[in-house]
């Protein structure tokens, strides 16, 4: 594929579609949404209003990181604090699809519905890629950013049209486009991160306590495996508990699973063959988190597993 031509065509399409109107953009900090932001900014300039929705489900320091990186690129963004809304929507839910649906409704109807009314925008740019569409339409798991492919008319339901400039690309293609757009390496080479964020890495109900645990475990895994060369690595907080020992006393504690995979485009994946010393160090650090006394390494390829647990 001629990726330079792809960029030019997407810019032209966005300009023609939006015309002299206003569009809003959902920036998450991942490479997909970063590329859409850069393309949209080139196409529309000040006609594009970019928002980073802080849904309380992000990694530690994520809003500050995203603000800093895009400020350095002279692309203005606005951080929207919507954490209470998302946590309220997720309260009591344990079923994976119900959790994803709650995030979808809160994101598109409540948060961006409100932003659309405030800005007068008629279009939302979104970083949907081909793998998102395929997994959702195949019934494997619903990606929160899939709407029209499921027969949902966003203009009728939410009051705006959704534009998906990257919907024909997979992750490797998105990274090539990112490089041509001169996005910084800290965005271009960033590991994939799910749209439902850490809610996709908690098996069971999402609470502030669960988020604190999985956020700490995530920081450890990303620190230890940053130089691994793997396609993706993550920590998952399981619903089950296990008996352990802490301070010479019995502890019925939490279990964290670590996943590290090699892949090209996330359609298939194999577990990375990490050094035993690395795995032991990760285990020591994770089981030092208060309340966590088991750390497992997931050896399952995709298929039969998916990359994420939820």
Protein backbone atom coordinates (compact mmCIF):
# COMPACT_ATOMS: atom_id res chain seq x y z
CA UNK A 1 0.00 0.00 0.00
CA UNK A 2 1.11 3.57 -0.73
CA UNK A 3 0.70 5.02 2.77
CA UNK A 4 1.52 8.59 1.71
CA UNK A 5 -1.34 8.43 -0.78
CA UNK A 6 -3.54 6.91 1.96
CA UNK A 7 -2.87 9.95 4.19
CA UNK A 8 -3.61 12.41 1.37
CA UNK A 9 -6.87 10.65 0.53
CA UNK A 10 -8.05 10.58 4.16
CA UNK A 11 -7.28 14.28 4.58
CA UNK A 12 -9.22 15.11 1.42
CA UNK A 13 -12.18 12.94 2.49
CA UNK A 14 -12.39 14.55 5.92
CA UNK A 15 -12.25 18.06 4.46
CA UNK A 16 -14.96 17.26 1.92
CA UNK A 17 -17.23 15.60 4.48
CA UNK A 18 -16.94 18.20 7.24
CA UNK A 19 -16.87 21.20 4.91
CA UNK A 20 -17.00 24.41 6.91
CA UNK A 21 -18.50 22.65 9.94
CA UNK A 22 -16.98 21.46 13.19
CA UNK A 23 -15.75 17.99 14.11
CA UNK A 24 -14.71 16.57 17.46
CA UNK A 25 -12.08 13.97 18.04
CA UNK A 26 -11.75 11.24 20.65
CA UNK A 27 -8.10 10.95 21.68
CA UNK A 28 -7.10 8.07 23.95
CA UNK A 29 -3.31 8.30 23.70
CA UNK A 30 -2.90 5.06 21.74
CA UNK A 31 -1.35 4.98 18.29
CA UNK A 32 -4.72 4.61 16.49
CA UNK A 33 -6.34 7.68 18.01
CA UNK A 34 -3.05 9.61 17.81
CA UNK A 35 -2.89 9.02 14.05
CA UNK A 36 -6.53 10.07 13.62
CA UNK A 37 -5.81 13.20 15.64
CA UNK A 38 -2.82 14.11 13.46
CA UNK A 39 -4.71 13.45 10.20
CA UNK A 40 -7.77 15.34 11.46
CA UNK A 41 -5.64 18.28 12.56
CA UNK A 42 -4.00 18.49 9.14
CA UNK A 43 -7.38 18.27 7.44
CA UNK A 44 -9.38 20.68 9.60
CA UNK A 45 -7.07 22.81 11.74
CA UNK A 46 -9.14 24.80 14.23
CA UNK A 47 -12.35 23.19 12.94
CA UNK A 48 -11.31 20.08 14.89
CA UNK A 49 -11.88 20.01 18.65
CA UNK A 50 -9.84 17.22 20.25
CA UNK A 51 -10.84 15.79 23.62
CA UNK A 52 -9.11 13.33 25.89
CA UNK A 53 -11.73 11.70 28.10
CA UNK A 54 -10.31 10.83 31.51
CA UNK A 55 -12.60 7.93 32.37
CA UNK A 56 -10.78 6.92 35.61
CA UNK A 57 -9.82 3.67 33.86
CA UNK A 58 -6.45 4.81 32.51
CA UNK A 59 -2.90 3.88 33.40
CA UNK A 60 -1.05 5.97 35.98
CA UNK A 61 -0.17 9.43 34.66
CA UNK A 62 -1.92 8.92 31.33
CA UNK A 63 -3.76 12.28 31.05
CA UNK A 64 -0.57 14.19 31.88
CA UNK A 65 1.44 12.15 29.37
CA UNK A 66 -1.05 12.73 26.54
CA UNK A 67 -1.32 16.46 27.25
CA UNK A 68 2.46 16.86 27.21
CA UNK A 69 3.07 14.91 23.99
CA UNK A 70 0.40 16.73 21.99
CA UNK A 71 1.40 20.12 23.36
CA UNK A 72 4.89 19.43 21.98
CA UNK A 73 3.28 18.77 18.57
CA UNK A 74 1.28 22.04 18.83
CA UNK A 75 -2.01 20.15 18.67
CA UNK A 76 -4.43 21.57 21.24
CA UNK A 77 -6.43 19.09 23.30
CA UNK A 78 -8.85 19.41 26.17
CA UNK A 79 -8.98 16.89 29.01
CA UNK A 80 -12.50 16.01 30.14
CA UNK A 81 -12.90 14.58 33.64
CA UNK A 82 -15.63 11.95 33.32
CA UNK A 83 -14.37 9.41 35.84
CA UNK A 84 -17.43 9.50 38.09
CA UNK A 85 -19.75 8.90 35.14
CA UNK A 86 -17.87 5.81 33.96
CA UNK A 87 -17.47 4.28 37.41
CA UNK A 88 -21.18 4.82 38.11
CA UNK A 89 -22.09 3.15 34.81
CA UNK A 90 -19.88 0.13 35.61
CA UNK A 91 -21.09 -0.32 39.19
CA UNK A 92 -22.35 -3.83 39.85
CA UNK A 93 -21.54 -5.19 36.37
CA UNK A 94 -19.50 -8.37 35.97
CA UNK A 95 -20.47 -9.67 32.52
CA UNK A 96 -17.82 -8.66 29.93
CA UNK A 97 -20.28 -7.56 27.27
CA UNK A 98 -22.41 -5.61 29.76
CA UNK A 99 -19.27 -3.78 30.89
CA UNK A 100 -18.33 -2.94 27.31
CA UNK A 101 -21.88 -1.78 26.56
CA UNK A 102 -21.88 0.47 29.63
CA UNK A 103 -18.62 2.07 28.49
CA UNK A 104 -19.98 2.50 24.96
CA UNK A 105 -23.16 4.19 26.19
CA UNK A 106 -21.32 6.47 28.60
CA UNK A 107 -18.71 7.43 26.02
CA UNK A 108 -20.89 8.04 22.98
CA UNK A 109 -24.21 9.06 24.46
CA UNK A 110 -23.38 10.84 27.70
CA UNK A 111 -19.88 12.32 27.33
CA UNK A 112 -19.57 12.93 23.61
CA UNK A 113 -23.27 13.65 23.25
CA UNK A 114 -22.73 16.51 25.70
CA UNK A 115 -19.57 17.70 23.89
CA UNK A 116 -21.38 17.66 20.56
CA UNK A 117 -24.10 19.91 21.96
CA UNK A 118 -21.54 22.27 23.48
CA UNK A 119 -19.37 22.55 20.33
CA UNK A 120 -22.07 22.29 17.67
CA UNK A 121 -20.08 19.48 16.00
CA UNK A 122 -21.77 17.15 13.54
CA UNK A 123 -18.92 14.66 13.19
CA UNK A 124 -16.80 12.53 15.52
CA UNK A 125 -13.44 11.23 14.30
CA UNK A 126 -12.60 7.84 15.74
CA UNK A 127 -9.61 5.48 15.53
CA UNK A 128 -11.46 2.29 14.56
CA UNK A 129 -9.18 -0.20 12.77
CA UNK A 130 -10.01 -3.29 10.73
CA UNK A 131 -9.25 -5.76 13.53
CA UNK A 132 -11.78 -4.00 15.79
CA UNK A 133 -14.46 -4.43 13.14
CA UNK A 134 -13.63 -8.08 12.43
CA UNK A 135 -13.63 -9.19 16.07
CA UNK A 136 -16.90 -7.43 16.79
CA UNK A 137 -18.84 -8.56 13.73
CA UNK A 138 -17.57 -12.13 14.22
CA UNK A 139 -19.01 -12.11 17.73
CA UNK A 140 -15.63 -12.72 19.41
CA UNK A 141 -15.89 -9.64 21.60
CA UNK A 142 -17.43 -6.25 21.11
CA UNK A 143 -15.05 -3.34 20.69
CA UNK A 144 -16.57 -0.23 22.22
CA UNK A 145 -15.88 1.87 19.11
CA UNK A 146 -17.95 -0.28 16.72
CA UNK A 147 -21.33 1.20 15.91
CA UNK A 148 -22.49 1.30 12.28
CA UNK A 149 -21.08 -2.17 11.63
CA UNK A 150 -23.60 -3.45 14.19
CA UNK A 151 -26.49 -1.55 12.65
CA UNK A 152 -26.29 1.37 15.11
CA UNK A 153 -26.88 4.72 13.43
CA UNK A 154 -24.83 7.18 15.53
CA UNK A 155 -26.55 10.20 13.99
CA UNK A 156 -29.95 8.87 15.04
CA UNK A 157 -28.80 7.55 18.42
CA UNK A 158 -26.32 10.23 19.46
CA UNK A 159 -26.80 13.21 17.15
CA UNK A 160 -23.59 13.03 15.12
CA UNK A 161 -21.87 11.04 12.37
CA UNK A 162 -18.77 8.94 13.09
CA UNK A 163 -15.85 9.13 10.66
CA UNK A 164 -13.34 6.24 10.73
CA UNK A 165 -10.28 7.14 8.62
CA UNK A 166 -8.31 4.02 9.65
CA UNK A 167 -11.00 1.36 9.26
CA UNK A 168 -9.18 -0.37 6.37
CA UNK A 169 -5.86 -0.66 8.24
CA UNK A 170 -4.47 -3.09 10.78
CA UNK A 171 -2.07 -2.14 13.58
CA UNK A 172 1.10 -2.55 11.51
CA UNK A 173 -0.34 -0.25 8.82
CA UNK A 174 -1.34 2.35 11.42
CA UNK A 175 2.24 2.41 12.73
CA UNK A 176 3.57 3.01 9.20
CA UNK A 177 1.16 5.93 8.78
CA UNK A 178 2.21 7.29 12.19
CA UNK A 179 5.85 7.31 11.11
CA UNK A 180 5.00 9.18 7.89
CA UNK A 181 3.08 11.76 9.94
CA UNK A 182 6.26 12.31 12.01
CA UNK A 183 4.57 11.35 15.24
CA UNK A 184 7.08 10.90 18.07
CA UNK A 185 8.36 7.39 18.69
CA UNK A 186 6.74 7.34 22.13
CA UNK A 187 3.40 7.26 20.28
CA UNK A 188 4.37 5.36 17.12
CA UNK A 189 5.87 2.40 18.97
CA UNK A 190 3.48 2.41 21.92
CA UNK A 191 1.98 -0.97 22.76
CA UNK A 192 -1.74 -1.41 22.05
CA UNK A 193 -4.12 -0.44 24.83
CA UNK A 194 -7.83 -1.36 24.82
CA UNK A 195 -10.58 1.20 24.37
CA UNK A 196 -12.28 0.11 27.62
CA UNK A 197 -8.86 0.69 29.23
CA UNK A 198 -8.22 -1.06 32.56
CA UNK A 199 -11.86 -2.18 32.70
CA UNK A 200 -10.77 -4.76 30.10
CA UNK A 201 -8.16 -6.04 32.55
CA UNK A 202 -10.38 -6.64 35.55
CA UNK A 203 -12.32 -9.89 35.52
CA UNK A 204 -15.48 -9.04 37.44
CA UNK A 205 -16.79 -5.75 38.78
CA UNK A 206 -14.75 -2.60 38.21
CA UNK A 207 -14.24 -0.68 41.44
CA UNK A 208 -11.74 1.93 42.55
CA UNK A 209 -9.95 -0.68 44.70
CA UNK A 210 -9.69 -3.11 41.78
CA UNK A 211 -8.43 -0.31 39.55
CA UNK A 212 -5.75 0.61 42.08
CA UNK A 213 -4.45 -2.98 42.09
CA UNK A 214 -4.43 -3.49 38.34
CA UNK A 215 -2.94 -0.03 37.76
CA UNK A 216 0.00 -0.90 40.02
CA UNK A 217 0.48 -4.27 38.34
CA UNK A 218 0.26 -2.65 34.90
CA UNK A 219 3.00 -0.16 35.79
CA UNK A 220 5.27 -3.02 36.90
CA UNK A 221 4.70 -5.09 33.77
CA UNK A 222 5.21 -2.15 31.43
CA UNK A 223 8.38 -1.13 33.28
CA UNK A 224 9.87 -4.64 33.18
CA UNK A 225 8.95 -5.46 29.57
CA UNK A 226 9.47 -2.09 27.87
CA UNK A 227 12.63 -3.38 26.16
CA UNK A 228 11.31 -6.86 25.41
CA UNK A 229 10.38 -6.10 21.80
CA UNK A 230 7.01 -7.78 22.33
CA UNK A 231 3.89 -6.62 20.49
CA UNK A 232 1.89 -6.22 23.71
CA UNK A 233 2.20 -6.90 27.43
CA UNK A 234 -0.31 -6.43 30.20
CA UNK A 235 -1.50 -7.39 33.67
CA UNK A 236 -4.96 -8.75 34.43
CA UNK A 237 -6.66 -8.90 37.82
CA UNK A 238 -8.59 -12.16 38.10
CA UNK A 239 -11.82 -12.57 40.04
CA UNK A 240 -10.66 -15.66 41.94
CA UNK A 241 -8.62 -15.57 45.14
CA UNK A 242 -5.97 -17.89 46.52
CA UNK A 243 -4.59 -18.76 49.93
CA UNK A 244 -1.17 -17.33 50.66
CA UNK A 245 1.12 -16.21 53.49
CA UNK A 246 2.00 -12.63 54.40
CA UNK A 247 3.73 -11.56 57.59
CA UNK A 248 3.48 -15.16 58.82
CA UNK A 249 -0.31 -15.08 58.56
CA UNK A 250 -2.79 -16.65 56.19
CA UNK A 251 -3.96 -14.35 53.40
CA UNK A 252 -6.81 -15.03 50.99
CA UNK A 253 -5.39 -12.80 48.30
CA UNK A 254 -5.77 -11.64 44.72
CA UNK A 255 -4.34 -13.25 41.59
CA UNK A 256 -2.69 -11.30 38.77
CA UNK A 257 -2.06 -12.84 35.35
CA UNK A 258 0.71 -11.44 33.16
CA UNK A 259 0.37 -11.64 29.38
CA UNK A 260 3.14 -10.87 26.88
CA UNK A 261 2.67 -11.68 23.20
CA UNK A 262 4.41 -11.53 19.85
CA UNK A 263 2.22 -10.55 16.91
CA UNK A 264 2.12 -8.48 13.74
CA UNK A 265 -1.46 -7.23 13.68
CA UNK A 266 -3.21 -8.88 16.70
CA UNK A 267 -5.17 -11.30 14.50
CA UNK A 268 -2.97 -14.11 15.78
CA UNK A 269 -0.43 -14.08 18.59
CA UNK A 270 2.04 -16.31 20.39
CA UNK A 271 3.25 -15.96 23.99
CA UNK A 272 6.69 -14.36 24.28
CA UNK A 273 9.47 -16.64 25.57
CA UNK A 274 10.66 -14.42 28.41
CA UNK A 275 13.76 -15.11 30.45
CA UNK A 276 13.04 -16.90 33.72
CA UNK A 277 14.90 -14.17 35.63
CA UNK A 278 12.56 -11.54 34.17
CA UNK A 279 9.47 -13.53 35.10
CA UNK A 280 10.74 -14.06 38.64
CA UNK A 281 11.40 -10.33 39.06
CA UNK A 282 7.93 -9.44 37.77
CA UNK A 283 6.42 -11.98 40.16
CA UNK A 284 8.32 -10.58 43.16
CA UNK A 285 7.23 -7.04 42.40
CA UNK A 286 3.59 -7.88 41.72
CA UNK A 287 3.18 -10.05 44.82
CA UNK A 288 4.62 -7.17 46.85
CA UNK A 289 1.43 -5.24 46.05
CA UNK A 290 -0.73 -5.39 49.21
CA UNK A 291 -3.46 -7.99 48.81
CA UNK A 292 -1.87 -9.82 45.84
CA UNK A 293 -0.23 -13.19 46.57
CA UNK A 294 -0.24 -14.99 43.21
CA UNK A 295 1.28 -14.05 39.86
CA UNK A 296 0.71 -16.23 36.78
CA UNK A 297 2.24 -16.09 33.28
CA UNK A 298 -0.27 -16.73 30.49
CA UNK A 299 1.10 -19.15 27.87
CA UNK A 300 -2.04 -19.21 25.68
CA UNK A 301 -1.72 -18.21 22.00
CA UNK A 302 -4.41 -16.42 19.98
CA UNK A 303 -6.45 -18.40 19.09
CA UNK A 304 -7.88 -19.95 21.23
CA UNK A 305 -7.46 -16.96 23.56
CA UNK A 306 -7.94 -13.32 22.67
CA UNK A 307 -5.24 -10.81 23.62
CA UNK A 308 -7.30 -9.20 26.37
CA UNK A 309 -9.33 -11.08 28.96
CA UNK A 310 -12.52 -8.95 28.76
